Amino acid sequence: MSEQTRAAVSPVIDFRGVTVSYPQSVAVENVTFSLGRGEFLGVIGPNGSGKTTLLRAVLGLVRPAQGRVRVLGVSGRELARVRRRIGYVPQRRPIEPNFPISVFDAALMGRYSSLGVLRSPSSGDRQKVAAALDAVGLTDASGHVAGHLSGGQQQRLLIARALAQEPEILLLDEPTSAVDVGTRATIVDLVRRLHRERGLTTLYVTHDINEVLPYLDKVLYINTRVRAFGTCEAVINRTTLEELYGGRVVLVEDGGRQYVVVGDTHA
């Protein structure tokens, strides 16, 4: 097999028997899954199930007590070397309105991992930031104080900061959790468009699988351990979901889309 062919078939993200522990608890246990280049994965599960820990493991910010995480062909300590190729959108916390940072400068922080020590941003760096702000519709707000943006605009700013890295992988940790329903749809559509246009490999953590279900290639349901992983057809069906949630699940079709209606209990 040629190097080019091997690169095409090798997983971009590969977890093998991964266990991550914190002082007081086991966050994830014996997690195994892989994701190919250009795939869109939805990660679902209850609070405290290990979803954010998965993202931190991809970034190399937490080390497995057991198992191996391989990202973009490297593992272990070398994960720090490829971190600049991964865009991360954390759960949004409101930006202090009086903090004196512009929208442009906040997005420019996404270039810092590529700048190196003591190097100032170049005109090329600034062009990439401008392109990222344009991609999320914030060009006109680039000179505004970041803390004066609405909640939805601040979330788009976090996405722009991640895009400024020109990533190959995009990680999103509940990007719609703190915005209204209309803004949620706008953000999901934005993520879907960016995923397609930029050929990203995307991991999207969410509590509401319905918001991204039509766009996913695969679904991972985690509750410390992986409870289900596979295509939407394999995971999003009544039999599998009722086993996962430990109760009755209703699948509803409306306007050509399928929706999951479930209670708040989890297996």
C-alpha atoms as a PDB file:
ATOM      1  CA  MET A   1       0.000   0.000   0.000  1.00  0.00           C
ATOM      2  CA  SER A   2       1.382   3.431  -0.964  1.00  0.00           C
ATOM      3  CA  GLU A   3       1.860   6.218   1.608  1.00  0.00           C
ATOM      4  CA  GLN A   4      -0.880   8.234  -0.127  1.00  0.00           C
ATOM      5  CA  THR A   5      -3.341   5.330   0.019  1.00  0.00           C
ATOM      6  CA  ARG A   6      -2.431   4.584   3.645  1.00  0.00           C
ATOM      7  CA  ALA A   7      -3.053   8.259   4.568  1.00  0.00           C
ATOM      8  CA  ALA A   8      -6.449   8.132   2.869  1.00  0.00           C
ATOM      9  CA  VAL A   9      -7.663   5.087   4.838  1.00  0.00           C
ATOM     10  CA  SER A  10      -6.014   5.758   8.218  1.00  0.00           C
ATOM     11  CA  PRO A  11      -8.355   7.178  10.891  1.00  0.00           C
ATOM     12  CA  VAL A  12      -7.881  10.865  11.679  1.00  0.00           C
ATOM     13  CA  ILE A  13      -8.946  10.182  15.275  1.00  0.00           C
ATOM     14  CA  ASP A  14      -8.507   6.750  16.853  1.00  0.00           C
ATOM     15  CA  PHE A  15      -9.256   5.763  20.475  1.00  0.00           C
ATOM     16  CA  ARG A  16      -8.235   2.283  21.582  1.00  0.00           C
ATOM     17  CA  GLY A  17      -9.273   1.097  25.049  1.00  0.00           C
ATOM     18  CA  VAL A  18      -8.909   4.606  26.502  1.00  0.00           C
ATOM     19  CA  THR A  19      -9.490   5.204  30.215  1.00  0.00           C
ATOM     20  CA  VAL A  20      -9.046   8.699  31.685  1.00  0.00           C
ATOM     21  CA  SER A  21      -9.194   9.187  35.449  1.00  0.00           C
ATOM     22  CA  TYR A  22      -9.394  12.282  37.621  1.00  0.00           C
ATOM     23  CA  PRO A  23      -8.537  12.269  41.352  1.00  0.00           C
ATOM     24  CA  GLN A  24     -12.121  11.657  42.434  1.00  0.00           C
ATOM     25  CA  SER A  25     -13.543   9.620  39.545  1.00  0.00           C
ATOM     26  CA  VAL A  26     -13.105   7.773  36.257  1.00  0.00           C
ATOM     27  CA  ALA A  27     -14.160  10.122  33.465  1.00  0.00           C
ATOM     28  CA  VAL A  28     -14.141   7.657  30.567  1.00  0.00           C
ATOM     29  CA  GLU A  29     -13.436   3.935  30.610  1.00  0.00           C
ATOM     30  CA  ASN A  30     -12.250   1.563  27.881  1.00  0.00           C
ATOM     31  CA  VAL A  31     -13.366   3.875  25.048  1.00  0.00           C
ATOM     32  CA  THR A  32     -12.756   2.630  21.523  1.00  0.00           C
ATOM     33  CA  PHE A  33     -13.864   4.351  18.315  1.00  0.00           C
ATOM     34  CA  SER A  34     -12.333   5.852  15.194  1.00  0.00           C
ATOM     35  CA  LEU A  35     -13.227   8.648  12.795  1.00  0.00           C
ATOM     36  CA  GLY A  36     -12.138   9.066   9.198  1.00  0.00           C
ATOM     37  CA  ARG A  37     -11.145  12.253   7.420  1.00  0.00           C
ATOM     38  CA  GLY A  38     -14.102  14.483   6.617  1.00  0.00           C
ATOM     39  CA  GLU A  39     -16.595  12.697   8.874  1.00  0.00           C
ATOM     40  CA  PHE A  40     -19.086  14.503  11.123  1.00  0.00           C
ATOM     41  CA  LEU A  41     -19.572  12.827  14.516  1.00  0.00           C
ATOM     42  CA  GLY A  42     -22.279  13.694  17.022  1.00  0.00           C
ATOM     43  CA  VAL A  43     -21.352  12.898  20.640  1.00  0.00           C
ATOM     44  CA  ILE A  44     -24.288  12.549  23.052  1.00  0.00           C
ATOM     45  CA  GLY A  45     -24.746  11.499  26.656  1.00  0.00           C
ATOM     46  CA  PRO A  46     -25.955  12.770  30.053  1.00  0.00           C
ATOM     47  CA  ASN A  47     -24.168  15.339  32.207  1.00  0.00           C
ATOM     48  CA  GLY A  48     -20.903  14.014  33.594  1.00  0.00           C
ATOM     49  CA  SER A  49     -20.716  11.219  31.039  1.00  0.00           C
ATOM     50  CA  GLY A  50     -17.237  12.091  29.723  1.00  0.00           C
ATOM     51  CA  LYS A  51     -18.086  14.061  26.579  1.00  0.00           C
ATOM     52  CA  THR A  52     -15.785  16.992  27.330  1.00  0.00           C
ATOM     53  CA  THR A  53     -13.041  14.613  28.461  1.00  0.00           C
ATOM     54  CA  LEU A  54     -13.115  13.017  24.998  1.00  0.00           C
ATOM     55  CA  LEU A  55     -12.388  16.398  23.422  1.00  0.00           C
ATOM     56  CA  ARG A  56      -9.611  17.108  25.898  1.00  0.00           C
ATOM     57  CA  ALA A  57      -8.074  13.727  25.094  1.00  0.00           C
ATOM     58  CA  VAL A  58      -8.090  14.546  21.360  1.00  0.00           C
ATOM     59  CA  LEU A  59      -6.228  17.776  22.182  1.00  0.00           C
ATOM     60  CA  GLY A  60      -3.726  15.899  24.340  1.00  0.00           C
ATOM     61  CA  LEU A  61      -4.721  17.916  27.414  1.00  0.00           C
ATOM     62  CA  VAL A  62      -5.448  14.804  29.450  1.00  0.00           C
ATOM     63  CA  ARG A  63      -3.443  11.575  29.404  1.00  0.00           C
ATOM     64  CA  PRO A  64      -5.031   8.151  29.376  1.00  0.00           C
ATOM     65  CA  ALA A  65      -4.374   5.945  32.386  1.00  0.00           C
ATOM     66  CA  GLN A  66      -4.842   3.084  29.938  1.00  0.00           C
ATOM     67  CA  GLY A  67      -5.151   2.778  26.179  1.00  0.00           C
ATOM     68  CA  ARG A  68      -4.038   4.998  23.334  1.00  0.00           C
ATOM     69  CA  VAL A  69      -5.333   8.127  21.608  1.00  0.00           C
ATOM     70  CA  ARG A  70      -3.995   8.666  18.090  1.00  0.00           C
ATOM     71  CA  VAL A  71      -4.762  11.914  16.233  1.00  0.00           C
ATOM     72  CA  LEU A  72      -3.485  12.910  12.800  1.00  0.00           C
ATOM     73  CA  GLY A  73      -1.041  10.026  12.915  1.00  0.00           C
ATOM     74  CA  VAL A  74       0.565  10.727  16.306  1.00  0.00           C
ATOM     75  CA  SER A  75      -0.063   9.762  19.929  1.00  0.00           C
ATOM     76  CA  GLY A  76       1.233  10.347  23.450  1.00  0.00           C
ATOM     77  CA  ARG A  77       3.379  13.429  24.007  1.00  0.00           C
ATOM     78  CA  GLU A  78       3.412  14.126  20.257  1.00  0.00           C
ATOM     79  CA  LEU A  79      -0.256  15.188  20.393  1.00  0.00           C
ATOM     80  CA  ALA A  80       0.920  18.630  21.511  1.00  0.00           C
ATOM     81  CA  ARG A  81       2.696  18.940  18.164  1.00  0.00           C
ATOM     82  CA  VAL A  82      -0.522  18.594  16.117  1.00  0.00           C
ATOM     83  CA  ARG A  83      -2.715  20.692  18.425  1.00  0.00           C
ATOM     84  CA  ARG A  84      -2.383  23.697  16.118  1.00  0.00           C
ATOM     85  CA  ARG A  85      -4.204  21.663  13.459  1.00  0.00           C
ATOM     86  CA  ILE A  86      -7.227  21.247  15.740  1.00  0.00           C
ATOM     87  CA  GLY A  87      -9.796  23.997  16.253  1.00  0.00           C
ATOM     88  CA  TYR A  88     -11.560  23.901  19.627  1.00  0.00           C
ATOM     89  CA  VAL A  89     -14.826  25.681  20.449  1.00  0.00           C
ATOM     90  CA  PRO A  90     -15.399  25.355  24.227  1.00  0.00           C
ATOM     91  CA  GLN A  91     -18.660  25.820  26.053  1.00  0.00           C
ATOM     92  CA  ARG A  92     -19.370  29.529  25.939  1.00  0.00           C
ATOM     93  CA  ARG A  93     -18.952  31.703  29.010  1.00  0.00           C
ATOM     94  CA  PRO A  94     -20.049  35.339  28.668  1.00  0.00           C
ATOM     95  CA  ILE A  95     -17.200  37.736  27.882  1.00  0.00           C
ATOM     96  CA  GLU A  96     -16.896  40.494  30.493  1.00  0.00           C
ATOM     97  CA  PRO A  97     -18.438  43.612  28.844  1.00  0.00           C
ATOM     98  CA  ASN A  98     -15.741  45.884  30.304  1.00  0.00           C
ATOM     99  CA  PHE A  99     -12.827  43.702  29.186  1.00  0.00           C
ATOM    100  CA  PRO A 100     -10.979  45.819  26.597  1.00  0.00           C
ATOM    101  CA  ILE A 101     -10.558  43.392  23.701  1.00  0.00           C
ATOM    102  CA  SER A 102     -11.943  43.841  20.224  1.00  0.00           C
ATOM    103  CA  VAL A 103     -13.684  41.140  18.225  1.00  0.00           C
ATOM    104  CA  PHE A 104     -10.737  41.049  15.821  1.00  0.00           C
ATOM    105  CA  ASP A 105      -8.139  40.674  18.579  1.00  0.00           C
ATOM    106  CA  ALA A 106     -10.190  37.951  20.284  1.00  0.00           C
ATOM    107  CA  ALA A 107     -10.287  35.988  17.021  1.00  0.00           C
ATOM    108  CA  LEU A 108      -6.568  36.655  16.516  1.00  0.00           C
ATOM    109  CA  MET A 109      -5.907  34.524  19.604  1.00  0.00           C
ATOM    110  CA  GLY A 110      -6.593  31.553  17.345  1.00  0.00           C
ATOM    111  CA  ARG A 111      -3.300  32.276  15.551  1.00  0.00           C
ATOM    112  CA  TYR A 112      -1.159  32.254  18.706  1.00  0.00           C
ATOM    113  CA  SER A 113      -0.383  28.529  18.560  1.00  0.00           C
ATOM    114  CA  SER A 114       1.202  29.070  15.128  1.00  0.00           C
ATOM    115  CA  LEU A 115       3.123  32.226  15.962  1.00  0.00           C
ATOM    116  CA  GLY A 116       5.807  30.833  18.230  1.00  0.00           C
ATOM    117  CA  VAL A 117       7.505  32.630  21.095  1.00  0.00           C
ATOM    118  CA  LEU A 118       7.719  36.432  20.856  1.00  0.00           C
ATOM    119  CA  ARG A 119       6.616  36.554  17.219  1.00  0.00           C
ATOM    120  CA  SER A 120       4.106  39.255  16.295  1.00  0.00           C
ATOM    121  CA  PRO A 121       1.150  38.500  13.993  1.00  0.00           C
ATOM    122  CA  SER A 122       2.008  39.049  10.333  1.00  0.00           C
ATOM    123  CA  SER A 123      -0.211  40.538   7.650  1.00  0.00           C
ATOM    124  CA  GLY A 124      -0.901  36.938   6.595  1.00  0.00           C
ATOM    125  CA  ASP A 125      -2.095  36.092  10.105  1.00  0.00           C
ATOM    126  CA  ARG A 126      -4.406  39.084  10.071  1.00  0.00           C
ATOM    127  CA  GLN A 127      -5.778  38.110   6.667  1.00  0.00           C
ATOM    128  CA  LYS A 128      -6.613  34.653   8.003  1.00  0.00           C
ATOM    129  CA  VAL A 129      -8.424  36.185  10.970  1.00  0.00           C
ATOM    130  CA  ALA A 130     -10.348  38.515   8.672  1.00  0.00           C
ATOM    131  CA  ALA A 131     -11.353  35.524   6.533  1.00  0.00           C
ATOM    132  CA  ALA A 132     -12.488  33.622   9.634  1.00  0.00           C
ATOM    133  CA  LEU A 133     -14.625  36.544  10.817  1.00  0.00           C
ATOM    134  CA  ASP A 134     -16.122  36.851   7.341  1.00  0.00           C
ATOM    135  CA  ALA A 135     -16.940  33.114   7.359  1.00  0.00           C
ATOM    136  CA  VAL A 136     -19.055  33.521  10.520  1.00  0.00           C
ATOM    137  CA  GLY A 137     -20.617  36.852   9.511  1.00  0.00           C
ATOM    138  CA  LEU A 138     -18.775  39.108  11.965  1.00  0.00           C
ATOM    139  CA  THR A 139     -16.759  41.305   9.591  1.00  0.00           C
ATOM    140  CA  ASP A 140     -18.826  44.398  10.388  1.00  0.00           C
ATOM    141  CA  ALA A 141     -18.336  43.814  14.121  1.00  0.00           C
ATOM    142  CA  SER A 142     -14.555  43.265  13.986  1.00  0.00           C
ATOM    143  CA  GLY A 143     -13.795  46.590  15.690  1.00  0.00           C
ATOM    144  CA  HIS A 144     -16.458  46.239  18.375  1.00  0.00           C
ATOM    145  CA  VAL A 145     -15.749  45.338  21.998  1.00  0.00           C
ATOM    146  CA  ALA A 146     -16.106  41.549  22.179  1.00  0.00           C
ATOM    147  CA  GLY A 147     -18.054  41.663  25.453  1.00  0.00           C
ATOM    148  CA  HIS A 148     -20.721  43.847  23.845  1.00  0.00           C
ATOM    149  CA  LEU A 149     -21.739  41.135  21.378  1.00  0.00           C
ATOM    150  CA  SER A 150     -24.933  39.147  21.841  1.00  0.00           C
ATOM    151  CA  GLY A 151     -24.705  35.564  23.071  1.00  0.00           C
ATOM    152  CA  GLY A 152     -25.070  34.182  19.563  1.00  0.00           C
ATOM    153  CA  GLN A 153     -22.440  36.557  18.211  1.00  0.00           C
ATOM    154  CA  GLN A 154     -20.024  35.580  20.978  1.00  0.00           C
ATOM    155  CA  GLN A 155     -20.510  31.925  20.037  1.00  0.00           C
ATOM    156  CA  ARG A 156     -19.749  32.750  16.402  1.00  0.00           C
ATOM    157  CA  LEU A 157     -16.647  34.592  17.608  1.00  0.00           C
ATOM    158  CA  LEU A 158     -15.432  31.428  19.345  1.00  0.00           C
ATOM    159  CA  ILE A 159     -15.954  29.538  16.086  1.00  0.00           C
ATOM    160  CA  ALA A 160     -14.021  32.238  14.191  1.00  0.00           C
ATOM    161  CA  ARG A 161     -11.161  31.957  16.690  1.00  0.00           C
ATOM    162  CA  ALA A 162     -11.006  28.217  15.998  1.00  0.00           C
ATOM    163  CA  LEU A 163     -11.189  28.739  12.225  1.00  0.00           C
ATOM    164  CA  ALA A 164      -8.327  31.243  12.338  1.00  0.00           C
ATOM    165  CA  GLN A 165      -6.046  28.265  13.031  1.00  0.00           C
ATOM    166  CA  GLU A 166      -7.044  26.816   9.642  1.00  0.00           C
ATOM    167  CA  PRO A 167      -7.739  23.482  11.360  1.00  0.00           C
ATOM    168  CA  GLU A 168      -8.198  20.029   9.903  1.00  0.00           C
ATOM    169  CA  ILE A 169     -10.252  18.916  12.907  1.00  0.00           C
ATOM    170  CA  LEU A 170     -12.991  20.977  14.569  1.00  0.00           C
ATOM    171  CA  LEU A 171     -14.135  20.159  18.118  1.00  0.00           C
ATOM    172  CA  LEU A 172     -17.309  21.808  19.430  1.00  0.00           C
ATOM    173  CA  ASP A 173     -18.443  21.416  23.044  1.00  0.00           C
ATOM    174  CA  GLU A 174     -22.188  22.117  23.211  1.00  0.00           C
ATOM    175  CA  PRO A 175     -21.949  25.228  21.014  1.00  0.00           C
ATOM    176  CA  THR A 176     -25.683  26.010  21.275  1.00  0.00           C
ATOM    177  CA  SER A 177     -26.193  25.441  25.012  1.00  0.00           C
ATOM    178  CA  ALA A 178     -26.430  29.111  26.008  1.00  0.00           C
ATOM    179  CA  VAL A 179     -28.348  30.646  23.096  1.00  0.00           C
ATOM    180  CA  ASP A 180     -31.999  30.934  22.065  1.00  0.00           C
ATOM    181  CA  VAL A 181     -33.758  28.561  19.680  1.00  0.00           C
ATOM    182  CA  GLY A 182     -33.423  30.762  16.591  1.00  0.00           C
ATOM    183  CA  THR A 183     -29.723  31.332  17.188  1.00  0.00           C
ATOM    184  CA  ARG A 184     -29.189  27.608  17.728  1.00  0.00           C
ATOM    185  CA  ALA A 185     -30.408  26.883  14.207  1.00  0.00           C
ATOM    186  CA  THR A 186     -28.127  29.596  12.812  1.00  0.00           C
ATOM    187  CA  ILE A 187     -25.071  28.150  14.561  1.00  0.00           C
ATOM    188  CA  VAL A 188     -25.829  24.577  13.492  1.00  0.00           C
ATOM    189  CA  ASP A 189     -26.236  25.688   9.871  1.00  0.00           C
ATOM    190  CA  LEU A 190     -22.953  27.599  10.121  1.00  0.00           C
ATOM    191  CA  VAL A 191     -21.095  24.558  11.479  1.00  0.00           C
ATOM    192  CA  ARG A 192     -22.552  22.328   8.779  1.00  0.00           C
ATOM    193  CA  ARG A 193     -21.517  24.765   6.033  1.00  0.00           C
ATOM    194  CA  LEU A 194     -17.992  25.176   7.383  1.00  0.00           C
ATOM    195  CA  HIS A 195     -17.626  21.407   7.755  1.00  0.00           C
ATOM    196  CA  ARG A 196     -18.476  20.893   4.106  1.00  0.00           C
ATOM    197  CA  GLU A 197     -16.665  23.869   2.606  1.00  0.00           C
ATOM    198  CA  ARG A 198     -13.428  23.275   4.495  1.00  0.00           C
ATOM    199  CA  GLY A 199     -13.412  19.494   4.448  1.00  0.00           C
ATOM    200  CA  LEU A 200     -13.199  19.341   8.235  1.00  0.00           C
ATOM    201  CA  THR A 201     -13.380  16.314  10.483  1.00  0.00           C
ATOM    202  CA  THR A 202     -15.893  17.460  13.100  1.00  0.00           C
ATOM    203  CA  LEU A 203     -16.781  16.268  16.605  1.00  0.00           C
ATOM    204  CA  TYR A 204     -19.938  17.963  17.850  1.00  0.00           C
ATOM    205  CA  VAL A 205     -20.876  17.425  21.505  1.00  0.00           C
ATOM    206  CA  THR A 206     -24.553  18.098  22.202  1.00  0.00           C
ATOM    207  CA  HIS A 207     -27.389  17.331  24.601  1.00  0.00           C
ATOM    208  CA  ASP A 208     -29.909  17.596  21.757  1.00  0.00           C
ATOM    209  CA  ILE A 209     -29.161  15.132  18.976  1.00  0.00           C
ATOM    210  CA  ASN A 210     -32.121  16.508  16.999  1.00  0.00           C
ATOM    211  CA  GLU A 211     -30.325  19.748  16.141  1.00  0.00           C
ATOM    212  CA  VAL A 212     -27.572  18.025  14.140  1.00  0.00           C
ATOM    213  CA  LEU A 213     -29.039  14.619  13.310  1.00  0.00           C
ATOM    214  CA  PRO A 214     -29.630  15.309   9.583  1.00  0.00           C
ATOM    215  CA  TYR A 215     -25.965  16.239   9.069  1.00  0.00           C
ATOM    216  CA  LEU A 216     -24.168  13.487  10.978  1.00  0.00           C
ATOM    217  CA  ASP A 217     -22.184  10.621   9.514  1.00  0.00           C
ATOM    218  CA  LYS A 218     -21.878   8.833  12.858  1.00  0.00           C
ATOM    219  CA  VAL A 219     -23.193   9.020  16.420  1.00  0.00           C
ATOM    220  CA  LEU A 220     -21.359   8.146  19.630  1.00  0.00           C
ATOM    221  CA  TYR A 221     -23.397   7.707  22.799  1.00  0.00           C
ATOM    222  CA  ILE A 222     -21.209   7.771  25.900  1.00  0.00           C
ATOM    223  CA  ASN A 223     -21.934   7.357  29.596  1.00  0.00           C
ATOM    224  CA  THR A 224     -18.398   6.823  30.929  1.00  0.00           C
ATOM    225  CA  ARG A 225     -18.210   3.844  28.566  1.00  0.00           C
ATOM    226  CA  VAL A 226     -19.256   3.864  24.912  1.00  0.00           C
ATOM    227  CA  ARG A 227     -22.843   2.615  24.927  1.00  0.00           C
ATOM    228  CA  ALA A 228     -23.355   2.878  21.166  1.00  0.00           C
ATOM    229  CA  PHE A 229     -21.299   3.960  18.174  1.00  0.00           C
ATOM    230  CA  GLY A 230     -22.038   3.803  14.468  1.00  0.00           C
ATOM    231  CA  THR A 231     -24.063   5.284  11.663  1.00  0.00           C
ATOM    232  CA  CYS A 232     -27.238   7.202  12.414  1.00  0.00           C
ATOM    233  CA  GLU A 233     -29.286   4.247  11.152  1.00  0.00           C
ATOM    234  CA  ALA A 234     -27.499   1.901  13.560  1.00  0.00           C
ATOM    235  CA  VAL A 235     -27.829   4.119  16.657  1.00  0.00           C
ATOM    236  CA  ILE A 236     -30.862   6.349  16.129  1.00  0.00           C
ATOM    237  CA  ASN A 237     -33.574   3.731  16.193  1.00  0.00           C
ATOM    238  CA  ARG A 238     -36.196   2.918  18.783  1.00  0.00           C
ATOM    239  CA  THR A 239     -34.704  -0.386  19.928  1.00  0.00           C
ATOM    240  CA  THR A 240     -31.205   0.979  20.529  1.00  0.00           C
ATOM    241  CA  LEU A 241     -32.381   4.252  22.087  1.00  0.00           C
ATOM    242  CA  GLU A 242     -34.812   2.596  24.490  1.00  0.00           C
ATOM    243  CA  GLU A 243     -32.007   0.337  25.680  1.00  0.00           C
ATOM    244  CA  LEU A 244     -29.711   3.351  26.136  1.00  0.00           C
ATOM    245  CA  TYR A 245     -32.202   5.622  27.861  1.00  0.00           C
ATOM    246  CA  GLY A 246     -33.932   2.926  29.881  1.00  0.00           C
ATOM    247  CA  GLY A 247     -37.386   4.084  28.904  1.00  0.00           C
ATOM    248  CA  ARG A 248     -39.790   4.687  26.084  1.00  0.00           C
ATOM    249  CA  VAL A 249     -38.471   6.614  23.085  1.00  0.00           C
ATOM    250  CA  VAL A 250     -40.590   8.039  20.293  1.00  0.00           C
ATOM    251  CA  LEU A 251     -39.228   8.733  16.820  1.00  0.00           C
ATOM    252  CA  VAL A 252     -41.235  11.362  14.973  1.00  0.00           C
ATOM    253  CA  GLU A 253     -40.976  12.368  11.329  1.00  0.00           C
ATOM    254  CA  ASP A 254     -41.870  15.909  10.307  1.00  0.00           C
ATOM    255  CA  GLY A 255     -41.036  17.659   7.057  1.00  0.00           C
ATOM    256  CA  GLY A 256     -38.800  14.816   5.966  1.00  0.00           C
ATOM    257  CA  ARG A 257     -36.748  14.941   9.188  1.00  0.00           C
ATOM    258  CA  GLN A 258     -36.637  12.453  12.037  1.00  0.00           C
ATOM    259  CA  TYR A 259     -36.800  13.658  15.639  1.00  0.00           C
ATOM    260  CA  VAL A 260     -36.041  11.804  18.869  1.00  0.00           C
ATOM    261  CA  VAL A 261     -38.418  12.374  21.802  1.00  0.00           C
ATOM    262  CA  VAL A 262     -37.098  10.908  25.033  1.00  0.00           C
ATOM    263  CA  GLY A 263     -37.277  11.381  28.790  1.00  0.00           C
ATOM    264  CA  ASP A 264     -34.394  12.476  30.992  1.00  0.00           C
ATOM    265  CA  THR A 265     -33.286   9.048  32.237  1.00  0.00           C
ATOM    266  CA  HIS A 266     -30.138   7.372  30.958  1.00  0.00           C
ATOM    267  CA  ALA A 267     -28.819   3.844  31.207  1.00  0.00           C
END
